[in-house]
N, C-alpha and C. Protein backbone atom coordinates (compact mmCIF):
# COMPACT_ATOMS: atom_id res chain seq x y z
N UNK A 1 119.27 137.42 209.68
CA UNK A 1 118.18 138.38 209.82
C UNK A 1 116.85 137.62 209.97
N UNK A 2 116.06 138.00 210.96
CA UNK A 2 114.82 137.30 211.24
C UNK A 2 113.78 137.63 210.17
N UNK A 3 113.13 136.57 209.63
CA UNK A 3 112.10 136.79 208.62
C UNK A 3 110.79 137.14 209.30
N UNK A 4 110.05 138.07 208.68
CA UNK A 4 108.75 138.45 209.21
C UNK A 4 107.75 137.32 208.97
N UNK A 5 106.93 137.07 209.98
CA UNK A 5 105.92 136.02 209.86
C UNK A 5 104.84 136.44 208.86
N UNK A 6 104.41 135.50 208.04
CA UNK A 6 103.42 135.81 207.01
C UNK A 6 102.02 135.72 207.58
N UNK A 7 101.25 136.78 207.41
CA UNK A 7 99.86 136.80 207.88
C UNK A 7 98.93 137.03 206.70
N UNK A 8 97.69 136.62 206.88
CA UNK A 8 96.72 136.70 205.80
C UNK A 8 95.58 137.67 206.10
N UNK A 9 95.65 138.36 207.23
CA UNK A 9 94.58 139.27 207.63
C UNK A 9 94.37 140.38 206.62
N UNK A 10 95.46 140.83 205.99
CA UNK A 10 95.34 141.93 205.03
C UNK A 10 94.58 141.54 203.77
N UNK A 11 94.28 140.25 203.63
CA UNK A 11 93.51 139.80 202.47
C UNK A 11 92.01 139.74 202.75
N UNK A 12 91.62 140.02 203.98
CA UNK A 12 90.24 139.81 204.40
C UNK A 12 89.24 140.51 203.50
N UNK A 13 89.47 141.81 203.24
CA UNK A 13 88.50 142.60 202.49
C UNK A 13 88.24 142.08 201.09
N UNK A 14 89.31 141.95 200.29
CA UNK A 14 89.11 141.54 198.91
C UNK A 14 88.81 140.06 198.78
N UNK A 15 89.32 139.22 199.72
CA UNK A 15 89.08 137.78 199.62
C UNK A 15 87.61 137.46 199.86
N UNK A 16 87.02 138.12 200.85
CA UNK A 16 85.59 137.91 201.12
C UNK A 16 84.75 138.27 199.89
N UNK A 17 85.05 139.43 199.30
CA UNK A 17 84.31 139.87 198.12
C UNK A 17 84.54 138.92 196.94
N UNK A 18 85.78 138.44 196.80
CA UNK A 18 86.11 137.56 195.68
C UNK A 18 85.40 136.21 195.79
N UNK A 19 85.39 135.64 196.99
CA UNK A 19 84.73 134.35 197.19
C UNK A 19 83.23 134.47 196.95
N UNK A 20 82.64 135.52 197.52
CA UNK A 20 81.20 135.74 197.32
C UNK A 20 80.88 135.94 195.84
N UNK A 21 81.70 136.73 195.15
CA UNK A 21 81.47 136.98 193.74
C UNK A 21 81.59 135.74 192.88
N UNK A 22 82.64 134.96 193.12
CA UNK A 22 82.86 133.74 192.32
C UNK A 22 81.73 132.74 192.52
N UNK A 23 81.36 132.50 193.77
CA UNK A 23 80.30 131.54 194.05
C UNK A 23 78.96 132.01 193.48
N UNK A 24 78.70 133.31 193.60
CA UNK A 24 77.46 133.86 193.04
C UNK A 24 77.46 133.72 191.52
N UNK A 25 78.62 133.95 190.90
CA UNK A 25 78.72 133.79 189.46
C UNK A 25 78.44 132.37 189.01
N UNK A 26 78.98 131.41 189.76
CA UNK A 26 78.75 130.00 189.43
C UNK A 26 77.28 129.63 189.58
N UNK A 27 76.71 129.97 190.75
CA UNK A 27 75.35 129.53 191.06
C UNK A 27 74.31 130.23 190.19
N UNK A 28 74.42 131.57 190.08
CA UNK A 28 73.40 132.31 189.32
C UNK A 28 73.43 131.98 187.84
N UNK A 29 74.63 131.86 187.27
CA UNK A 29 74.73 131.54 185.84
C UNK A 29 74.28 130.11 185.57
N UNK A 30 74.65 129.19 186.46
CA UNK A 30 74.19 127.81 186.32
C UNK A 30 72.67 127.74 186.37
N UNK A 31 72.08 128.44 187.33
CA UNK A 31 70.62 128.44 187.47
C UNK A 31 69.94 129.02 186.23
N UNK A 32 70.52 130.11 185.71
CA UNK A 32 69.97 130.74 184.51
C UNK A 32 70.04 129.80 183.31
N UNK A 33 71.18 129.16 183.14
CA UNK A 33 71.36 128.24 182.01
C UNK A 33 70.41 127.05 182.13
N UNK A 34 70.26 126.52 183.34
CA UNK A 34 69.35 125.39 183.53
C UNK A 34 67.92 125.77 183.17
N UNK A 35 67.50 126.97 183.60
CA UNK A 35 66.15 127.43 183.30
C UNK A 35 65.90 127.58 181.80
N UNK A 36 66.86 128.18 181.10
CA UNK A 36 66.70 128.36 179.65
C UNK A 36 66.82 127.03 178.92
N UNK A 37 67.75 126.18 179.36
CA UNK A 37 67.96 124.88 178.71
C UNK A 37 66.74 123.98 178.82
N UNK A 38 66.02 124.11 179.94
CA UNK A 38 64.83 123.28 180.13
C UNK A 38 63.71 123.66 179.17
N UNK A 39 63.78 124.89 178.63
CA UNK A 39 62.70 125.36 177.74
C UNK A 39 63.16 125.53 176.30
N UNK A 40 64.40 125.17 176.00
CA UNK A 40 64.92 125.40 174.64
C UNK A 40 65.64 124.16 174.11
N UNK A 41 65.49 123.94 172.82
CA UNK A 41 66.16 122.82 172.17
C UNK A 41 67.37 123.27 171.36
N UNK A 42 67.67 124.57 171.38
CA UNK A 42 68.81 125.10 170.63
C UNK A 42 69.80 125.78 171.58
N UNK A 43 71.04 125.91 171.13
CA UNK A 43 72.10 126.43 171.98
C UNK A 43 72.11 127.96 172.06
N UNK A 44 71.73 128.63 170.99
CA UNK A 44 71.87 130.09 170.93
C UNK A 44 71.20 130.84 172.08
N UNK A 45 69.92 130.58 172.38
CA UNK A 45 69.30 131.31 173.49
C UNK A 45 69.95 131.01 174.84
N UNK A 46 70.47 129.81 174.99
CA UNK A 46 71.13 129.44 176.25
C UNK A 46 72.41 130.24 176.43
N UNK A 47 73.21 130.29 175.36
CA UNK A 47 74.48 131.02 175.42
C UNK A 47 74.26 132.51 175.59
N UNK A 48 73.29 133.07 174.85
CA UNK A 48 73.00 134.50 174.96
C UNK A 48 72.49 134.87 176.35
N UNK A 49 71.63 134.03 176.92
CA UNK A 49 71.12 134.29 178.27
C UNK A 49 72.25 134.23 179.29
N UNK A 50 73.15 133.27 179.12
CA UNK A 50 74.28 133.16 180.04
C UNK A 50 75.18 134.38 179.94
N UNK A 51 75.42 134.84 178.72
CA UNK A 51 76.27 136.02 178.51
C UNK A 51 75.64 137.27 179.12
N UNK A 52 74.34 137.43 178.92
CA UNK A 52 73.63 138.56 179.52
C UNK A 52 73.68 138.50 181.04
N UNK A 53 73.55 137.29 181.56
CA UNK A 53 73.61 137.12 183.02
C UNK A 53 74.97 137.47 183.58
N UNK A 54 76.03 137.14 182.84
CA UNK A 54 77.40 137.47 183.28
C UNK A 54 77.59 138.98 183.35
N UNK A 55 77.16 139.68 182.30
CA UNK A 55 77.33 141.14 182.28
C UNK A 55 76.52 141.80 183.39
N UNK A 56 75.25 141.44 183.49
CA UNK A 56 74.38 142.05 184.50
C UNK A 56 74.84 141.70 185.91
N UNK A 57 75.20 140.45 186.11
CA UNK A 57 75.61 140.01 187.44
C UNK A 57 76.89 140.65 187.92
N UNK A 58 77.87 140.77 187.03
CA UNK A 58 79.15 141.36 187.42
C UNK A 58 78.99 142.84 187.78
N UNK A 59 78.19 143.56 186.99
CA UNK A 59 77.94 144.98 187.30
C UNK A 59 77.18 145.13 188.61
N UNK A 60 76.20 144.27 188.81
CA UNK A 60 75.41 144.32 190.04
C UNK A 60 76.26 144.03 191.27
N UNK A 61 77.10 143.00 191.17
CA UNK A 61 77.96 142.63 192.30
C UNK A 61 78.95 143.74 192.62
N UNK A 62 79.56 144.32 191.58
CA UNK A 62 80.55 145.38 191.80
C UNK A 62 79.91 146.60 192.43
N UNK A 63 78.75 147.00 191.90
CA UNK A 63 78.06 148.18 192.44
C UNK A 63 77.60 147.95 193.87
N UNK A 64 77.03 146.79 194.12
CA UNK A 64 76.56 146.48 195.47
C UNK A 64 77.69 146.44 196.48
N UNK A 65 78.81 145.84 196.09
CA UNK A 65 79.96 145.76 196.99
C UNK A 65 80.54 147.14 197.26
N UNK A 66 80.58 147.98 196.22
CA UNK A 66 81.12 149.34 196.40
C UNK A 66 80.27 150.13 197.39
N UNK A 67 78.96 150.07 197.24
CA UNK A 67 78.07 150.81 198.14
C UNK A 67 78.18 150.28 199.57
N UNK A 68 78.22 148.95 199.70
CA UNK A 68 78.31 148.34 201.03
C UNK A 68 79.59 148.71 201.76
N UNK A 69 80.72 148.58 201.07
CA UNK A 69 82.02 148.87 201.69
C UNK A 69 82.19 150.37 201.91
N UNK A 70 81.64 151.18 201.01
CA UNK A 70 81.69 152.63 201.19
C UNK A 70 80.94 153.05 202.45
N UNK A 71 79.81 152.41 202.70
CA UNK A 71 79.04 152.70 203.91
C UNK A 71 79.84 152.36 205.16
N UNK A 72 80.53 151.22 205.13
CA UNK A 72 81.38 150.84 206.25
C UNK A 72 82.50 151.85 206.45
N UNK A 73 83.11 152.29 205.34
CA UNK A 73 84.19 153.27 205.42
C UNK A 73 83.70 154.60 205.99
N UNK A 74 82.48 155.00 205.61
CA UNK A 74 81.91 156.25 206.12
C UNK A 74 81.68 156.18 207.62
N UNK A 75 81.22 155.02 208.09
CA UNK A 75 81.00 154.84 209.53
C UNK A 75 82.31 154.95 210.29
N UNK A 76 83.36 154.32 209.76
CA UNK A 76 84.66 154.38 210.42
C UNK A 76 85.22 155.80 210.42
N UNK A 77 85.02 156.53 209.32
CA UNK A 77 85.48 157.92 209.26
C UNK A 77 84.76 158.77 210.30
N UNK A 78 83.46 158.54 210.46
CA UNK A 78 82.68 159.29 211.45
C UNK A 78 83.17 158.98 212.86
N UNK A 79 83.46 157.71 213.14
CA UNK A 79 83.97 157.32 214.46
C UNK A 79 85.33 157.96 214.73
N UNK A 80 86.18 157.98 213.71
CA UNK A 80 87.51 158.59 213.87
C UNK A 80 87.40 160.10 214.10
N UNK A 81 86.48 160.75 213.40
CA UNK A 81 86.29 162.19 213.59
C UNK A 81 85.81 162.50 215.00
N UNK A 82 84.90 161.68 215.51
CA UNK A 82 84.40 161.88 216.87
C UNK A 82 85.50 161.61 217.89
N UNK A 83 86.30 160.56 217.64
CA UNK A 83 87.39 160.24 218.56
C UNK A 83 88.43 161.36 218.58
N UNK A 84 88.71 161.93 217.42
CA UNK A 84 89.67 163.04 217.35
C UNK A 84 89.17 164.24 218.14
N UNK A 85 87.88 164.52 218.04
CA UNK A 85 87.29 165.63 218.77
C UNK A 85 87.38 165.39 220.28
N UNK A 86 87.12 164.16 220.71
CA UNK A 86 87.19 163.83 222.14
C UNK A 86 88.62 163.92 222.65
N UNK A 87 89.59 163.52 221.83
CA UNK A 87 91.00 163.63 222.23
C UNK A 87 91.41 165.09 222.41
N UNK A 88 90.85 165.97 221.62
CA UNK A 88 91.18 167.39 221.72
C UNK A 88 90.47 168.06 222.89
N UNK A 89 89.25 167.61 223.19
CA UNK A 89 88.46 168.28 224.23
C UNK A 89 88.66 167.68 225.62
N UNK A 90 88.96 166.40 225.71
CA UNK A 90 89.15 165.77 227.03
C UNK A 90 90.25 164.71 226.97
N UNK A 91 91.48 165.14 226.78
CA UNK A 91 92.61 164.21 226.62
C UNK A 91 92.86 163.32 227.83
N UNK A 92 92.67 163.86 229.04
CA UNK A 92 92.94 163.08 230.25
C UNK A 92 91.96 161.92 230.39
N UNK A 93 90.71 162.19 230.10
CA UNK A 93 89.69 161.13 230.18
C UNK A 93 89.99 160.04 229.14
N UNK A 94 90.37 160.46 227.95
CA UNK A 94 90.69 159.51 226.89
C UNK A 94 91.93 158.69 227.23
N UNK A 95 92.89 159.32 227.91
CA UNK A 95 94.10 158.60 228.32
C UNK A 95 93.76 157.51 229.32
N UNK A 96 92.93 157.85 230.31
CA UNK A 96 92.51 156.85 231.31
C UNK A 96 91.69 155.74 230.65
N UNK A 97 90.90 156.12 229.69
CA UNK A 97 90.09 155.13 228.97
C UNK A 97 90.98 154.13 228.23
N UNK A 98 92.04 154.65 227.61
CA UNK A 98 92.98 153.78 226.90
C UNK A 98 93.71 152.86 227.87
N UNK A 99 94.10 153.41 229.02
CA UNK A 99 94.78 152.60 230.04
C UNK A 99 93.87 151.47 230.53
N UNK A 100 92.58 151.75 230.70
CA UNK A 100 91.64 150.72 231.15
C UNK A 100 91.54 149.58 230.14
N UNK A 101 91.66 149.92 228.87
CA UNK A 101 91.63 148.88 227.83
C UNK A 101 92.80 147.92 228.00
N UNK A 102 93.98 148.47 228.30
CA UNK A 102 95.17 147.64 228.47
C UNK A 102 95.11 146.84 229.77
N UNK A 103 94.48 147.41 230.79
CA UNK A 103 94.27 146.65 232.04
C UNK A 103 93.37 145.45 231.75
N UNK A 104 92.32 145.67 230.97
CA UNK A 104 91.40 144.59 230.62
C UNK A 104 92.09 143.50 229.81
N UNK A 105 93.17 143.88 229.12
CA UNK A 105 93.92 142.91 228.32
C UNK A 105 94.98 142.17 229.13
N UNK A 106 95.14 142.54 230.41
CA UNK A 106 96.05 141.79 231.28
C UNK A 106 97.20 142.55 231.89
N UNK A 107 97.39 143.83 231.54
CA UNK A 107 98.48 144.61 232.14
C UNK A 107 98.06 145.14 233.50
N UNK A 108 99.06 145.32 234.40
CA UNK A 108 98.72 145.97 235.67
C UNK A 108 98.51 147.46 235.42
N UNK A 109 97.91 148.15 236.39
CA UNK A 109 97.48 149.53 236.17
C UNK A 109 98.64 150.47 235.85
N UNK A 110 99.77 150.31 236.57
CA UNK A 110 100.91 151.21 236.33
C UNK A 110 101.48 151.02 234.93
N UNK A 111 101.68 149.76 234.55
CA UNK A 111 102.22 149.48 233.22
C UNK A 111 101.24 149.91 232.13
N UNK A 112 99.96 149.67 232.37
CA UNK A 112 98.93 150.07 231.40
C UNK A 112 98.96 151.57 231.17
N UNK A 113 99.13 152.33 232.24
CA UNK A 113 99.19 153.79 232.11
C UNK A 113 100.45 154.22 231.36
N UNK A 114 101.58 153.55 231.63
CA UNK A 114 102.82 153.86 230.91
C UNK A 114 102.67 153.62 229.41
N UNK A 115 102.07 152.48 229.08
CA UNK A 115 101.85 152.14 227.67
C UNK A 115 100.92 153.16 227.02
N UNK A 116 99.85 153.50 227.73
CA UNK A 116 98.89 154.47 227.20
C UNK A 116 99.53 155.83 226.96
N UNK A 117 100.38 156.25 227.90
CA UNK A 117 101.06 157.55 227.77
C UNK A 117 102.01 157.55 226.57
N UNK A 118 102.80 156.48 226.45
CA UNK A 118 103.76 156.42 225.35
C UNK A 118 103.07 156.37 223.98
N UNK A 119 102.01 155.57 223.88
CA UNK A 119 101.29 155.48 222.61
C UNK A 119 100.57 156.78 222.29
N UNK A 120 100.07 157.44 223.32
CA UNK A 120 99.39 158.73 223.12
C UNK A 120 100.37 159.79 222.66
N UNK A 121 101.57 159.77 223.24
CA UNK A 121 102.60 160.74 222.83
C UNK A 121 103.01 160.52 221.37
N UNK A 122 103.04 159.26 220.96
CA UNK A 122 103.46 158.95 219.59
C UNK A 122 102.36 159.30 218.58
N UNK A 123 101.16 158.75 218.80
CA UNK A 123 100.02 159.01 217.90
C UNK A 123 98.74 158.60 218.61
N UNK A 124 98.14 159.56 219.28
CA UNK A 124 96.97 159.26 220.11
C UNK A 124 95.81 158.71 219.29
N UNK A 125 95.54 159.31 218.16
CA UNK A 125 94.38 158.88 217.36
C UNK A 125 94.54 157.46 216.84
N UNK A 126 95.75 157.12 216.39
CA UNK A 126 96.00 155.76 215.90
C UNK A 126 95.83 154.74 217.01
N UNK A 127 96.32 155.07 218.21
CA UNK A 127 96.21 154.16 219.35
C UNK A 127 94.75 153.91 219.71
N UNK A 128 93.96 154.99 219.77
CA UNK A 128 92.54 154.83 220.11
C UNK A 128 91.77 154.14 218.99
N UNK A 129 92.13 154.45 217.75
CA UNK A 129 91.45 153.81 216.62
C UNK A 129 91.68 152.30 216.65
N UNK A 130 92.90 151.90 216.91
CA UNK A 130 93.26 150.48 216.90
C UNK A 130 92.70 149.75 218.11
N UNK A 131 92.93 150.28 219.30
CA UNK A 131 92.63 149.54 220.53
C UNK A 131 91.25 149.79 221.10
N UNK A 132 90.67 150.95 220.79
CA UNK A 132 89.33 151.25 221.30
C UNK A 132 88.25 150.96 220.26
N UNK A 133 88.51 151.37 219.01
CA UNK A 133 87.51 151.22 217.95
C UNK A 133 87.71 149.98 217.09
N UNK A 134 88.91 149.39 217.16
CA UNK A 134 89.19 148.21 216.34
C UNK A 134 89.42 148.54 214.88
N UNK A 135 89.89 149.76 214.61
CA UNK A 135 90.14 150.21 213.24
C UNK A 135 91.64 150.26 213.00
N UNK A 136 92.11 149.63 211.94
CA UNK A 136 93.53 149.73 211.58
C UNK A 136 93.68 149.71 210.06
N UNK A 137 94.88 150.02 209.59
CA UNK A 137 95.11 150.15 208.15
C UNK A 137 94.94 148.82 207.41
N UNK A 138 95.28 147.72 208.08
CA UNK A 138 95.24 146.41 207.42
C UNK A 138 93.81 146.02 207.03
N UNK A 139 92.87 146.20 207.98
CA UNK A 139 91.48 145.80 207.72
C UNK A 139 90.60 146.97 207.30
N UNK A 140 91.19 148.11 207.03
CA UNK A 140 90.42 149.28 206.62
C UNK A 140 89.68 149.00 205.32
N UNK A 141 88.38 149.33 205.26
CA UNK A 141 87.61 149.05 204.05
C UNK A 141 88.11 149.83 202.84
N UNK A 142 88.21 149.15 201.70
CA UNK A 142 88.66 149.77 200.45
C UNK A 142 87.59 149.51 199.39
N UNK A 143 86.67 150.46 199.19
CA UNK A 143 85.52 150.24 198.30
C UNK A 143 85.89 149.84 196.87
N UNK A 144 86.83 150.55 196.26
CA UNK A 144 87.18 150.24 194.87
C UNK A 144 87.81 148.86 194.74
N UNK A 145 88.68 148.52 195.69
CA UNK A 145 89.32 147.20 195.66
C UNK A 145 88.27 146.10 195.81
N UNK A 146 87.34 146.30 196.75
CA UNK A 146 86.30 145.30 196.98
C UNK A 146 85.37 145.18 195.78
N UNK A 147 85.02 146.32 195.16
CA UNK A 147 84.14 146.30 193.99
C UNK A 147 84.79 145.57 192.82
N UNK A 148 86.06 145.86 192.58
CA UNK A 148 86.78 145.20 191.49
C UNK A 148 86.89 143.70 191.75
N UNK A 149 87.23 143.34 192.98
CA UNK A 149 87.38 141.92 193.33
C UNK A 149 86.06 141.19 193.16
N UNK A 150 84.96 141.83 193.58
CA UNK A 150 83.66 141.19 193.48
C UNK A 150 83.21 141.02 192.03
N UNK A 151 83.34 142.09 191.24
CA UNK A 151 82.93 142.02 189.84
C UNK A 151 83.78 141.06 189.02
N UNK A 152 85.09 141.14 189.19
CA UNK A 152 86.00 140.28 188.44
C UNK A 152 85.83 138.81 188.82
N UNK A 153 85.63 138.56 190.11
CA UNK A 153 85.48 137.17 190.55
C UNK A 153 84.13 136.60 190.10
N UNK A 154 83.10 137.47 190.03
CA UNK A 154 81.82 137.00 189.49
C UNK A 154 82.01 136.51 188.06
N UNK A 155 82.73 137.30 187.27
CA UNK A 155 82.98 136.91 185.87
C UNK A 155 83.76 135.60 185.80
N UNK A 156 84.79 135.49 186.64
CA UNK A 156 85.61 134.27 186.62
C UNK A 156 84.80 133.05 187.02
N UNK A 157 83.85 133.23 187.96
CA UNK A 157 82.99 132.12 188.35
C UNK A 157 81.94 131.81 187.29
N UNK A 158 81.36 132.87 186.71
CA UNK A 158 80.28 132.69 185.74
C UNK A 158 80.78 132.12 184.41
N UNK A 159 82.03 132.39 184.08
CA UNK A 159 82.60 131.87 182.83
C UNK A 159 82.55 130.34 182.79
N UNK A 160 82.67 129.72 183.95
CA UNK A 160 82.74 128.25 183.99
C UNK A 160 81.44 127.60 183.51
N UNK A 161 80.28 127.94 184.09
CA UNK A 161 79.04 127.36 183.54
C UNK A 161 78.73 127.86 182.12
N UNK A 162 79.23 129.05 181.78
CA UNK A 162 79.06 129.55 180.41
C UNK A 162 79.78 128.62 179.42
N UNK A 163 80.98 128.19 179.76
CA UNK A 163 81.73 127.27 178.90
C UNK A 163 81.02 125.92 178.79
N UNK A 164 80.44 125.49 179.91
CA UNK A 164 79.68 124.24 179.87
C UNK A 164 78.49 124.40 178.93
N UNK A 165 77.82 125.55 179.00
CA UNK A 165 76.68 125.82 178.12
C UNK A 165 77.10 125.84 176.65
N UNK A 166 78.32 126.26 176.42
CA UNK A 166 78.82 126.38 175.05
C UNK A 166 79.21 125.03 174.46
N UNK A 167 79.69 124.11 175.30
CA UNK A 167 80.24 122.86 174.77
C UNK A 167 79.42 121.61 175.10
N UNK A 168 78.63 121.64 176.15
CA UNK A 168 77.91 120.43 176.57
C UNK A 168 76.79 120.09 175.59
N UNK A 169 76.45 118.80 175.47
CA UNK A 169 75.34 118.40 174.60
C UNK A 169 74.03 119.05 175.06
N UNK A 170 73.22 119.52 174.12
CA UNK A 170 71.98 120.22 174.45
C UNK A 170 71.03 119.34 175.25
N UNK A 171 70.88 118.09 174.84
CA UNK A 171 69.91 117.21 175.49
C UNK A 171 70.29 116.89 176.94
N UNK A 172 71.57 116.93 177.24
CA UNK A 172 72.02 116.61 178.60
C UNK A 172 72.51 117.86 179.34
N UNK A 173 72.16 119.03 178.83
CA UNK A 173 72.68 120.29 179.38
C UNK A 173 72.40 120.45 180.87
N UNK A 174 71.18 120.15 181.28
CA UNK A 174 70.79 120.34 182.68
C UNK A 174 71.66 119.49 183.60
N UNK A 175 71.87 118.24 183.24
CA UNK A 175 72.67 117.34 184.08
C UNK A 175 74.14 117.76 184.11
N UNK A 176 74.64 118.21 182.97
CA UNK A 176 76.03 118.70 182.93
C UNK A 176 76.19 119.93 183.83
N UNK A 177 75.22 120.82 183.78
CA UNK A 177 75.29 122.03 184.60
C UNK A 177 75.27 121.70 186.09
N UNK A 178 74.40 120.81 186.50
CA UNK A 178 74.36 120.39 187.91
C UNK A 178 75.69 119.79 188.34
N UNK A 179 76.20 118.87 187.53
CA UNK A 179 77.43 118.18 187.89
C UNK A 179 78.63 119.10 187.97
N UNK A 180 78.78 119.93 186.94
CA UNK A 180 79.93 120.83 186.93
C UNK A 180 79.81 121.93 187.98
N UNK A 181 78.59 122.34 188.32
CA UNK A 181 78.42 123.36 189.36
C UNK A 181 79.00 122.88 190.69
N UNK A 182 78.76 121.62 191.02
CA UNK A 182 79.31 121.05 192.25
C UNK A 182 80.84 121.05 192.21
N UNK A 183 81.38 120.66 191.07
CA UNK A 183 82.85 120.64 190.91
C UNK A 183 83.41 122.05 191.03
N UNK A 184 82.78 123.01 190.37
CA UNK A 184 83.27 124.39 190.37
C UNK A 184 83.21 125.01 191.76
N UNK A 185 82.13 124.73 192.51
CA UNK A 185 82.01 125.27 193.86
C UNK A 185 83.07 124.67 194.79
N UNK A 186 83.33 123.38 194.63
CA UNK A 186 84.38 122.74 195.43
C UNK A 186 85.74 123.34 195.10
N UNK A 187 85.98 123.57 193.82
CA UNK A 187 87.24 124.18 193.39
C UNK A 187 87.37 125.61 193.93
N UNK A 188 86.29 126.36 193.88
CA UNK A 188 86.29 127.73 194.40
C UNK A 188 86.60 127.75 195.89
N UNK A 189 85.99 126.83 196.63
CA UNK A 189 86.24 126.76 198.07
C UNK A 189 87.69 126.41 198.39
N UNK A 190 88.26 125.50 197.61
CA UNK A 190 89.66 125.11 197.81
C UNK A 190 90.61 126.27 197.54
N UNK A 191 90.37 126.98 196.44
CA UNK A 191 91.22 128.13 196.10
C UNK A 191 91.12 129.21 197.17
N UNK A 192 89.89 129.48 197.64
CA UNK A 192 89.68 130.50 198.67
C UNK A 192 90.39 130.12 199.97
N UNK A 193 90.31 128.84 200.33
CA UNK A 193 90.96 128.38 201.55
C UNK A 193 92.48 128.55 201.47
N UNK A 194 93.04 128.21 200.34
CA UNK A 194 94.50 128.34 200.17
C UNK A 194 94.91 129.81 200.15
N UNK A 195 94.11 130.66 199.53
CA UNK A 195 94.42 132.09 199.51
C UNK A 195 94.35 132.69 200.91
N UNK A 196 93.49 132.10 201.75
CA UNK A 196 93.37 132.57 203.12
C UNK A 196 94.36 131.95 204.08
N UNK A 197 95.24 131.08 203.57
CA UNK A 197 96.29 130.51 204.40
C UNK A 197 95.98 129.14 204.97
N UNK A 198 94.80 128.58 204.64
CA UNK A 198 94.44 127.26 205.15
C UNK A 198 95.08 126.18 204.29
N UNK A 199 95.73 125.23 204.93
CA UNK A 199 96.40 124.15 204.20
C UNK A 199 95.42 123.00 203.99
N UNK A 200 94.95 122.88 202.76
CA UNK A 200 94.00 121.82 202.44
C UNK A 200 94.69 120.46 202.46
N UNK A 201 94.01 119.48 203.02
CA UNK A 201 94.57 118.14 203.05
C UNK A 201 95.60 117.98 204.13
């Protein structure tokens, strides 16, 4: 039995949000800790500021990602509604339009029309959504998934400089934060690349 080829396109939505969230968590928390550490000789205000930054940042990232992806989803829904209306009001024009798309992709006119007719008979809206609008189920925006990925990844990224703030010597805190931030960002990039199917090394 032939095995299905593994693709990573279905990870696009949440992976983008996760990478952005993790990197933002690392950079913003590191910057916050460095700022407080430069003005404080004790650990408590540094740790408390980092903790507050993690909570505020994760909520902000999740909310922002939800609104952003929801807007994209609303646009796609509006396009699909308009396409459905056009299919009902002028099906012949839409059929020729679909055939032209396949001609542009390399099919001859007769074959393109046959393909357009068969796909239209099966599911006209899905065919037009995929080939005319570029909308499909795999890359369809998922606001809740993106919001969760962004918020959770922010926390996972921010926890790293928080731990450095908790354990690193106070007098050398700034230098530790700079050094570990570079390491954490490199690690984040490596994990993201592997999750996206890129073979590191």
